[in-house]
Every structure is written in C-alpha cells, then in structure tokens.
Protein backbone atom coordinates (compact mmCIF):
# COMPACT_ATOMS: atom_id res chain seq x y z
CA MET A 1 -0.02 -0.02 -0.09
CA THR A 2 2.70 2.35 1.01
CA HIS A 3 4.88 1.52 -1.92
CA THR A 4 2.13 2.10 -4.36
CA GLN A 5 1.46 5.52 -2.89
CA ARG A 6 4.92 6.68 -3.29
CA GLN A 7 4.96 5.67 -6.92
CA ASN A 8 1.91 7.76 -7.72
CA ILE A 9 3.34 10.78 -5.82
CA HIS A 10 6.57 10.52 -7.85
CA ALA A 11 4.73 10.12 -11.25
CA GLN A 12 2.73 13.28 -10.63
CA ARG A 13 5.69 15.47 -10.07
CA GLY A 14 5.91 18.81 -12.33
CA PHE A 15 8.53 21.22 -13.37
CA THR A 16 10.57 22.97 -10.73
CA LEU A 17 10.67 26.79 -10.46
CA ILE A 18 14.16 26.89 -11.84
CA GLU A 19 13.11 24.70 -14.93
CA LEU A 20 10.10 26.84 -15.61
CA MET A 21 12.24 30.05 -15.43
CA VAL A 22 14.69 28.64 -17.86
CA ALA A 23 11.98 27.65 -20.34
CA LEU A 24 10.37 31.07 -20.10
CA VAL A 25 13.73 32.70 -20.75
CA LEU A 26 14.42 30.53 -23.81
CA GLY A 27 10.90 31.07 -25.11
CA LEU A 28 11.35 34.82 -24.79
CA LEU A 29 14.67 34.71 -26.65
CA VAL A 30 13.06 32.82 -29.52
CA ILE A 31 10.08 35.08 -29.64
CA GLY A 32 12.23 38.12 -29.48
CA ALA A 33 14.53 36.80 -32.29
CA ALA A 34 11.44 36.07 -34.50
CA GLY A 35 9.91 39.50 -33.62
CA GLY A 36 13.23 41.27 -34.61
CA ILE A 37 13.28 39.43 -37.96
CA PHE A 38 9.71 40.31 -38.49
CA LEU A 39 10.25 44.00 -37.72
CA GLN A 40 13.31 44.07 -39.76
CA ASN A 41 11.50 42.46 -42.80
CA ARG A 42 8.56 44.86 -42.30
CA ARG A 43 10.96 47.81 -42.44
CA VAL A 44 12.58 46.57 -45.49
CA TYR A 45 9.26 45.92 -47.06
CA GLY A 46 7.94 49.41 -46.21
CA SER A 47 11.23 51.10 -47.52
CA THR A 48 11.01 49.01 -50.72
CA GLU A 49 7.35 50.02 -51.14
CA ALA A 50 8.18 53.66 -50.59
CA ILE A 51 10.93 53.57 -53.26
CA ASN A 52 8.69 51.58 -55.61
CA ARG A 53 6.11 54.38 -55.35
CA ILE A 54 8.76 56.96 -56.03
CA GLN A 55 9.99 55.21 -59.18
CA GLU A 56 6.34 54.71 -60.39
CA ASN A 57 5.70 58.36 -60.01
CA GLN A 58 8.93 59.17 -61.84
CA ARG A 59 8.01 56.72 -64.60
CA SER A 60 4.57 58.09 -65.28
CA ALA A 61 5.52 61.75 -64.83
CA PHE A 62 8.51 61.59 -67.26
CA GLU A 63 6.55 59.54 -69.76
CA LEU A 64 3.81 62.25 -70.02
CA LEU A 65 6.32 65.14 -69.86
CA THR A 66 8.65 63.72 -72.53
CA ARG A 67 5.67 63.30 -74.86
CA ASP A 68 4.55 66.82 -74.39
CA VAL A 69 8.17 68.13 -74.96
CA ARG A 70 8.79 66.08 -78.11
CA GLU A 71 5.51 67.19 -79.69
CA VAL A 72 6.31 71.04 -79.10
CA ALA A 73 5.28 73.07 -82.08
CA GLY A 74 4.02 69.96 -83.95
CA ASN A 75 1.55 71.09 -86.52
CA PRO A 76 0.97 70.67 -90.22
CA CYS A 77 1.61 74.28 -91.02
CA VAL A 78 4.86 75.89 -92.02
CA LYS A 79 7.22 77.27 -89.46
CA PHE A 80 5.85 80.50 -88.06
CA SER A 81 7.96 83.43 -88.09
CA SER A 82 5.22 85.56 -86.24
CA MET A 83 2.13 84.89 -84.45
CA PRO A 84 -1.07 83.96 -86.54
CA ILE A 85 -3.72 86.57 -86.87
CA ASN A 86 -5.94 86.33 -83.84
CA MET A 87 -9.76 86.76 -84.66
CA LEU A 88 -10.96 85.48 -81.35
CA ILE A 89 -12.78 87.81 -78.93
CA LYS A 90 -12.30 85.54 -75.95
CA ALA A 91 -9.68 83.12 -74.46
CA PRO A 92 -7.25 81.73 -75.38
CA ASP A 93 -5.79 85.28 -75.16
CA ALA A 94 -3.20 87.07 -77.22
CA THR A 95 -0.48 85.68 -74.94
CA PHE A 96 -1.32 82.17 -75.94
CA TRP A 97 -1.14 82.93 -79.60
CA THR A 98 1.96 84.99 -79.07
CA ARG A 99 3.75 82.08 -77.52
CA PHE A 100 2.11 79.35 -79.70
CA PRO A 101 4.52 79.62 -82.71
CA ALA A 102 7.61 79.22 -80.67
CA GLY A 103 6.04 76.13 -79.04
CA VAL A 104 7.71 76.35 -75.71
CA PHE A 105 7.93 79.09 -72.99
CA GLY A 106 9.40 78.69 -69.48
CA ALA A 107 9.52 80.53 -66.22
CA ASP A 108 12.27 80.33 -63.42
CA GLY A 109 11.29 79.70 -59.66
CA THR A 110 7.50 80.29 -59.95
CA GLY A 111 6.47 77.01 -58.38
CA ALA A 112 6.67 75.52 -54.94
CA ASN A 113 10.14 75.45 -53.36
CA GLY A 114 11.39 77.70 -56.22
CA SER A 115 10.53 75.11 -58.80
CA ASP A 116 10.54 76.16 -62.54
CA ALA A 117 7.64 75.87 -64.82
CA VAL A 118 7.31 75.22 -68.59
CA THR A 119 4.40 75.60 -70.91
CA LEU A 120 4.47 73.55 -74.13
CA TYR A 121 2.33 74.33 -77.23
CA SER A 122 1.25 71.99 -79.93
CA GLY A 123 -1.19 71.75 -82.79
CA SER A 124 -0.80 68.14 -83.68
CA SER A 125 -3.45 66.68 -81.27
CA ARG A 126 -6.16 66.79 -84.04
CA VAL A 127 -5.86 68.02 -87.60
CA PHE A 128 -8.51 68.19 -90.18
CA ASN A 129 -7.94 68.68 -94.07
CA VAL A 130 -9.87 71.58 -95.52
CA SER A 131 -11.91 70.52 -98.52
CA LEU A 132 -13.94 73.90 -99.15
CA GLN A 133 -13.89 77.42 -98.03
CA LYS A 134 -14.67 79.36 -101.11
CA ARG A 135 -15.61 82.63 -99.61
CA PRO A 136 -14.02 84.13 -96.45
CA ILE A 137 -17.46 84.24 -94.76
CA ASP A 138 -18.47 80.73 -95.68
CA PRO A 139 -18.20 77.82 -93.11
CA ILE A 140 -15.06 75.78 -93.44
CA THR A 141 -15.78 72.31 -94.62
CA VAL A 142 -13.18 69.76 -93.43
CA VAL A 143 -12.90 66.00 -93.97
CA ASN A 144 -14.13 63.90 -91.12
CA PRO A 145 -12.04 60.66 -91.42
CA ALA A 146 -14.40 58.87 -88.96
CA GLY A 147 -17.37 59.68 -91.16
CA THR A 148 -19.76 60.18 -88.19
CA GLY A 149 -20.32 62.84 -85.50
CA THR A 150 -18.39 65.98 -84.99
CA ALA A 151 -14.99 64.28 -84.26
CA GLY A 152 -14.71 66.08 -81.02
CA LEU A 153 -15.22 69.51 -82.36
CA ALA A 154 -17.50 71.74 -80.44
CA PRO A 155 -19.08 75.32 -80.64
CA GLY A 156 -16.94 77.92 -78.81
CA GLN A 157 -13.74 76.01 -79.39
CA PRO A 158 -10.65 77.93 -80.43
CA LEU A 159 -9.19 76.66 -83.62
CA LEU A 160 -6.39 77.39 -86.13
CA ILE A 161 -6.77 77.36 -89.90
CA CYS A 162 -3.59 77.47 -92.01
CA ASP A 163 -1.77 76.75 -95.18
CA ALA A 164 1.76 77.09 -96.48
CA ASP A 165 1.58 80.88 -96.25
CA HIS A 166 -0.93 81.93 -93.62
CA ALA A 167 -2.42 81.14 -90.33
CA THR A 168 -5.60 82.46 -88.59
CA ALA A 169 -6.85 81.78 -85.09
CA PHE A 170 -10.73 81.76 -84.86
CA THR A 171 -13.66 80.50 -82.70
CA ALA A 172 -15.98 77.80 -84.07
CA THR A 173 -19.51 79.13 -83.61
CA SER A 174 -21.25 76.11 -84.83
CA ILE A 175 -20.35 72.56 -85.89
CA THR A 176 -22.55 70.74 -88.53
CA PRO A 177 -21.61 67.12 -89.45
CA SER A 178 -22.70 65.80 -92.80
CA GLY A 179 -21.55 62.26 -93.62
CA SER A 180 -17.78 62.36 -94.20
CA THR A 181 -17.49 66.17 -93.77
CA ILE A 182 -18.01 68.80 -91.00
CA ALA A 183 -18.92 72.40 -91.61
CA ILE A 184 -17.30 74.71 -89.06
CA ALA A 185 -18.99 78.25 -88.82
CA HIS A 186 -17.04 81.28 -87.59
CA ASP A 187 -19.53 84.21 -87.39
CA THR A 188 -19.15 87.41 -85.29
CA THR A 189 -20.72 85.77 -82.13
CA GLY A 190 -17.20 84.56 -81.32
CA ASN A 191 -14.99 86.44 -83.72
CA CYS A 192 -14.02 90.02 -84.37
CA ASP A 193 -15.16 89.57 -88.02
CA GLY A 194 -17.16 86.94 -89.81
CA ASN A 195 -14.59 86.90 -92.67
CA LEU A 196 -11.41 84.86 -92.16
CA GLN A 197 -8.56 87.27 -92.69
CA VAL A 198 -4.76 87.28 -93.04
CA PHE A 199 -2.28 90.16 -93.45
CA PRO A 200 -0.21 90.99 -96.38
CA ASP A 201 3.50 90.33 -96.27
CA GLY A 202 5.46 92.82 -94.17
CA LYS A 203 2.43 94.07 -92.23
CA PRO A 204 2.08 93.76 -88.46
CA TYR A 205 -0.23 91.08 -86.86
CA PRO A 206 -2.59 92.76 -84.55
CA PRO A 207 -6.08 91.20 -83.64
CA CYS A 208 -8.16 91.54 -86.91
CA GLY A 209 -8.01 94.35 -89.43
CA GLY A 210 -6.55 92.19 -92.07
CA VAL A 211 -7.75 91.30 -95.58
CA SER A 212 -10.21 88.39 -96.42
CA TYR A 213 -8.62 85.30 -97.68
CA CYS A 214 -9.87 81.93 -99.08
CA PHE A 215 -8.31 78.73 -97.81
CA SER A 216 -9.70 76.20 -100.38
CA LEU A 217 -11.96 76.57 -103.53
CA GLY A 218 -12.48 72.86 -103.59
CA VAL A 219 -11.11 72.40 -107.09
CA LYS A 220 -8.30 70.31 -108.56
CA PRO A 221 -4.79 71.55 -108.26
CA GLY A 222 -3.97 73.73 -111.27
CA THR A 223 -7.47 74.83 -111.84
CA PRO A 224 -7.48 78.63 -112.25
CA PRO A 225 -9.82 80.60 -110.08
CA THR A 226 -12.66 82.52 -111.69
CA ALA A 227 -13.11 86.24 -111.63
CA THR A 228 -15.74 85.79 -108.91
CA ASP A 229 -13.36 83.83 -106.84
CA ILE A 230 -10.74 86.47 -107.16
CA SER A 231 -13.20 89.18 -106.15
CA ASN A 232 -14.36 87.27 -103.23
CA CYS A 233 -10.95 86.66 -101.86
CA PRO A 234 -9.01 89.98 -101.94
CA ALA A 235 -6.05 88.64 -99.94
CA GLY A 236 -5.56 85.72 -102.15
CA ILE A 237 -6.56 82.02 -102.46
CA SER A 238 -4.53 79.08 -101.10
CA ILE A 239 -2.79 77.09 -103.81
CA GLY A 240 -1.97 74.19 -101.63
CA PRO A 241 -3.42 72.03 -99.01
CA SER A 242 -5.09 73.89 -95.86
CA TYR A 243 -5.79 72.47 -92.46
CA VAL A 244 -7.82 73.13 -89.33
CA VAL A 245 -5.81 72.42 -86.23
CA VAL A 246 -7.02 72.06 -82.64
CA PRO A 247 -4.32 73.96 -80.63
CA ALA A 248 -3.29 72.71 -77.23
CA ASP A 249 -1.03 73.69 -74.47
CA ALA A 250 0.37 71.90 -71.48
CA GLN A 251 1.70 73.83 -68.54
CA TRP A 252 3.91 71.75 -66.15
CA THR A 253 4.28 73.18 -62.56
CA VAL A 254 4.92 72.06 -59.01
CA GLY A 255 2.43 73.21 -56.40
CA ALA A 256 0.80 72.37 -53.08
CA ASN A 257 -1.63 69.44 -53.20
CA GLY A 258 -3.65 70.11 -50.02
CA ARG A 259 -2.26 67.04 -48.26
CA ASN A 260 0.64 68.78 -46.61
CA GLY A 261 2.85 68.19 -49.63
CA ASN A 262 3.55 69.16 -53.21
CA SER A 263 2.76 67.48 -56.48
CA LEU A 264 3.50 67.73 -60.18
CA TYR A 265 0.64 69.26 -62.08
CA ARG A 266 -0.26 69.44 -65.85
CA THR A 267 -2.73 72.11 -66.92
CA SER A 268 -4.08 71.93 -70.42
CA MET A 269 -6.33 74.40 -71.78
CA GLY A 270 -7.40 75.40 -68.25
CA ASN A 271 -7.88 71.83 -66.98
CA ARG A 272 -5.43 70.93 -64.14
CA SER A 273 -4.49 67.36 -63.44
CA GLU A 274 -2.23 65.97 -60.67
CA ILE A 275 0.28 63.81 -62.29
CA ALA A 276 2.61 62.68 -59.45
CA GLU A 277 2.68 63.42 -55.63
CA GLY A 278 5.74 63.98 -53.50
CA VAL A 279 7.46 66.24 -55.96
CA THR A 280 9.71 68.70 -54.07
CA SER A 281 11.29 70.56 -56.92
CA MET A 282 11.71 70.70 -60.71
CA ASN A 283 14.62 72.48 -62.44
CA ILE A 284 14.55 73.02 -66.25
CA GLY A 285 17.27 74.15 -68.58
CA TYR A 286 17.10 74.92 -72.35
CA LYS A 287 19.64 74.37 -75.01
CA ILE A 288 19.60 77.08 -77.77
CA ASP A 289 23.24 76.72 -79.04
CA PRO A 290 24.37 73.39 -80.50
CA THR A 291 27.87 73.98 -79.14
CA GLY A 292 26.70 75.49 -75.73
CA GLY A 293 25.21 74.07 -72.67
CA TYR A 294 21.77 74.51 -71.03
CA VAL A 295 20.59 77.84 -69.74
CA ASN A 296 17.53 79.05 -67.69
CA ALA A 297 14.41 80.59 -69.09
CA ALA A 298 15.44 84.08 -68.20
CA ALA A 299 18.48 83.71 -70.57
CA VAL A 300 16.33 82.26 -73.35
CA THR A 301 13.84 85.21 -73.02
CA ALA A 302 16.67 87.79 -72.94
CA ALA A 303 18.02 86.36 -76.23
CA ASN A 304 14.56 86.25 -77.71
CA ALA A 305 15.50 82.58 -78.52
CA TRP A 306 12.39 80.44 -77.65
CA PRO A 307 11.93 79.43 -81.30
CA GLN A 308 15.50 78.25 -81.38
CA VAL A 309 15.30 75.80 -78.37
CA LEU A 310 16.74 72.50 -79.46
CA ALA A 311 16.46 70.48 -76.23
CA VAL A 312 15.22 70.59 -72.65
CA HIS A 313 16.92 69.36 -69.57
CA VAL A 314 14.45 68.47 -66.83
CA SER A 315 15.49 67.51 -63.31
CA VAL A 316 12.73 66.55 -60.85
CA THR A 317 13.21 65.53 -57.17
CA PHE A 318 10.63 63.07 -55.66
CA GLN A 319 10.33 62.17 -52.03
CA ALA A 320 8.59 59.29 -50.26
CA VAL A 321 4.92 60.12 -49.29
CA GLN A 322 3.65 58.35 -46.10
CA GLY A 323 0.10 57.75 -47.09
CA ALA A 324 -0.81 54.29 -45.74
CA LEU A 325 2.94 53.65 -44.80
CA THR A 326 4.43 54.36 -41.50
CA GLN A 327 6.89 57.16 -40.97
CA SER A 328 9.88 54.82 -40.58
CA ASP A 329 8.92 53.28 -44.06
CA THR A 330 9.56 56.63 -45.67
CA THR A 331 12.84 57.60 -43.97
CA GLY A 332 16.29 56.36 -44.60
CA THR A 333 19.68 56.97 -42.92
CA SER A 334 19.57 59.69 -40.19
CA ASN A 335 15.82 59.57 -40.33
CA ALA A 336 15.87 61.71 -43.49
CA VAL A 337 12.96 61.31 -45.85
CA LEU A 338 13.89 59.02 -48.90
CA THR A 339 14.30 61.08 -52.00
CA ARG A 340 15.29 60.38 -55.68
CA THR A 341 16.30 62.95 -58.37
CA LEU A 342 15.75 62.04 -62.06
CA ASP A 343 17.34 63.88 -64.81
CA ASP A 344 16.19 63.57 -68.42
CA TYR A 345 17.46 65.30 -71.70
CA ILE A 346 14.67 65.62 -74.22
CA ALA A 347 15.20 66.64 -77.79
CA LEU A 348 12.46 68.71 -79.64
CA ARG A 349 11.47 66.76 -82.70
CA ASN A 350 9.31 69.52 -84.43
CA HIS A 351 10.80 72.81 -83.43
CA GLN A 352 11.64 75.55 -85.93
CA THR A 353 15.40 75.18 -85.89
CA ILE A 354 15.18 71.38 -86.25
CA GLN A 355 12.76 71.25 -89.21
C-alpha cells in the first residue's frame, strides 16, 4: 500500500521553479529573435514600397512630360516667323497665340520651393483637311475621317486654320456634321469679324483688321480661279493644302496638393491634373546653341530665342509620401525622408530650328 502510494506521488511530479524560469527565458529569446526578424522584414518591405512608389511616380511623370516636350510646335503648317492673326474675342488670349508659334515658354522659380515651370504648345493633337472654303465668310468644310459625328469639335472652341503661307486663329461658332465632312462656322458671335482674314507680307499682326482670304476653292490643283473667286478673296487664295488644327497647351508646374505636400501638375487648356505626388522641386534648362550648354528660362527670354530651343533638360526631385505607410517606411539614414532625383534630356522633334 505504502509502496504504491509513493510511486503515484513520484509520477505526478511537475517542473521545478528553476526549470520553468529557464523555459520562459528560452521562449522569450526565441520570440524576441522572431519578432526582430519580422520587424526588420517589415521595415525593408516598407522602404522598398516607398521607393517603388517614387519610381512609379517618376516613370509616369516623365513619360507624359517627355511626350509633351517632343511634340512641341508640332503642326501641319509651315514654321511660323510671327504669331497667327488672332480673330478670337475671348480666351485663349493674345499671350497664348504670341507664344504658340515658338512652341515652348518657361519661367524660373515660380512654383513651390522655387521650382521652374514650362508651358508647351502644339497643334498636332487633332488635324482636319480643309476641303472647301470658297468665300471668307463661308463655313469651313473639313474632311471627317471617322465619317460620323463631330470628331470632338464643339461650338466655342478655339481653332487654327492655316496653309503654307498664312495662319488664322478663330472661334468655331457652330459645328455641323454631314456624312464624311464637317462644316465649321465662324461668325461674329465668337470672332471680331465673320470673314477669315490674313495680313499682307510685311504688315504687323494685330487682332483683326486684315484682308479676307480663301483657304480652299474645292477644285483640282492647277484649276485657275474664276473672276468671282478672285473678287471674293481680295487677300488671295490658297494654292496648296489647308488644315484646321486644334491647338493645345500643357503647362507643367509644382504646387501644393492640399495634403501637406507638393505634387507635379499638368494644366491643359485650363484643366489641371495631378500627375505625381511627392515632388519637391523641378529645375529646367534649355539648349539654344548646338555647341553650348543649357541655360535657364530668363536667358532664353533675354536672347529672344524660344523658337531656337533644341532640347530641354528636366531635373525633378521626388520624395517618399507616407500615405498608408508608417513614418519609418519613408525615412532612410539619419531619419531623412527618402528622395530620388531624376534627370532627363529631351530633344524637340518638331521645333523651328530642327525642321
């Protein structure tokens, strides 16, 4: 009896206090090591995610900016030596059309943190061949490649009509599709005159006050104009192809985004779009001399050399944005915010000096 009782007591014996303390210490060491590895991996993941976001912002921003720069001054018209005659009575204003022929215009230090800004002008977004405009007051008939609808044209839209010799900015007052063509009216509700006008060679280019011109008689090349045609078009008649162009601008700036940070913005025809967040600065240089370096916008303006810009150097600094990340994810050594600066040298494909 007594022997059996001693065996049961021995079998029910548990850990001693010392054994339990040793086990707890070993467990804490294992948990601590595992927790340290987890936290380290979490930090690496967060930093990698922050850098990936910076790189994605850089990629998308420079893709769009590069496209705009390369298309500067792209249009089917000849190289402009001066601004087109401006018949519009409302925006875009005279400044737009003064800068449009050069295709590019920059400003130094006007953005957040002293960032530079650049405005890029192009007429290559949408182009329509003129098939008939027999009298200066007649609606302009253009070819609609799609064959249906208004092809995105709308009343009140500023447009440019041009041939190899002349260019006129006007407002479309009505758009009338008809099968494979579109009639674009240009009466005095949106223009200073209902007749499309140009200026004789050697004359200044103020708003309106020119001489009526016909951009297409709708006849085969080489067909002589009639006496009526000549009478209707005192400034002359286009002898080559003519085009209606939808002008566009794209202004690139750095500004406050309302989230305690700055972003890169693109503003086109008054519509502002946020392209990339976390942009702290943008510096822009312009190359006007094939043998020289890049200069700032003030130097180009002083030399009156915007039509001679050959290439643009853009340097943009991006920093990590916290968002859903923690503060430690967006900082690097010395707790400084992660930043990356990207430089790009972009040649202008369509500019006056290059053509």
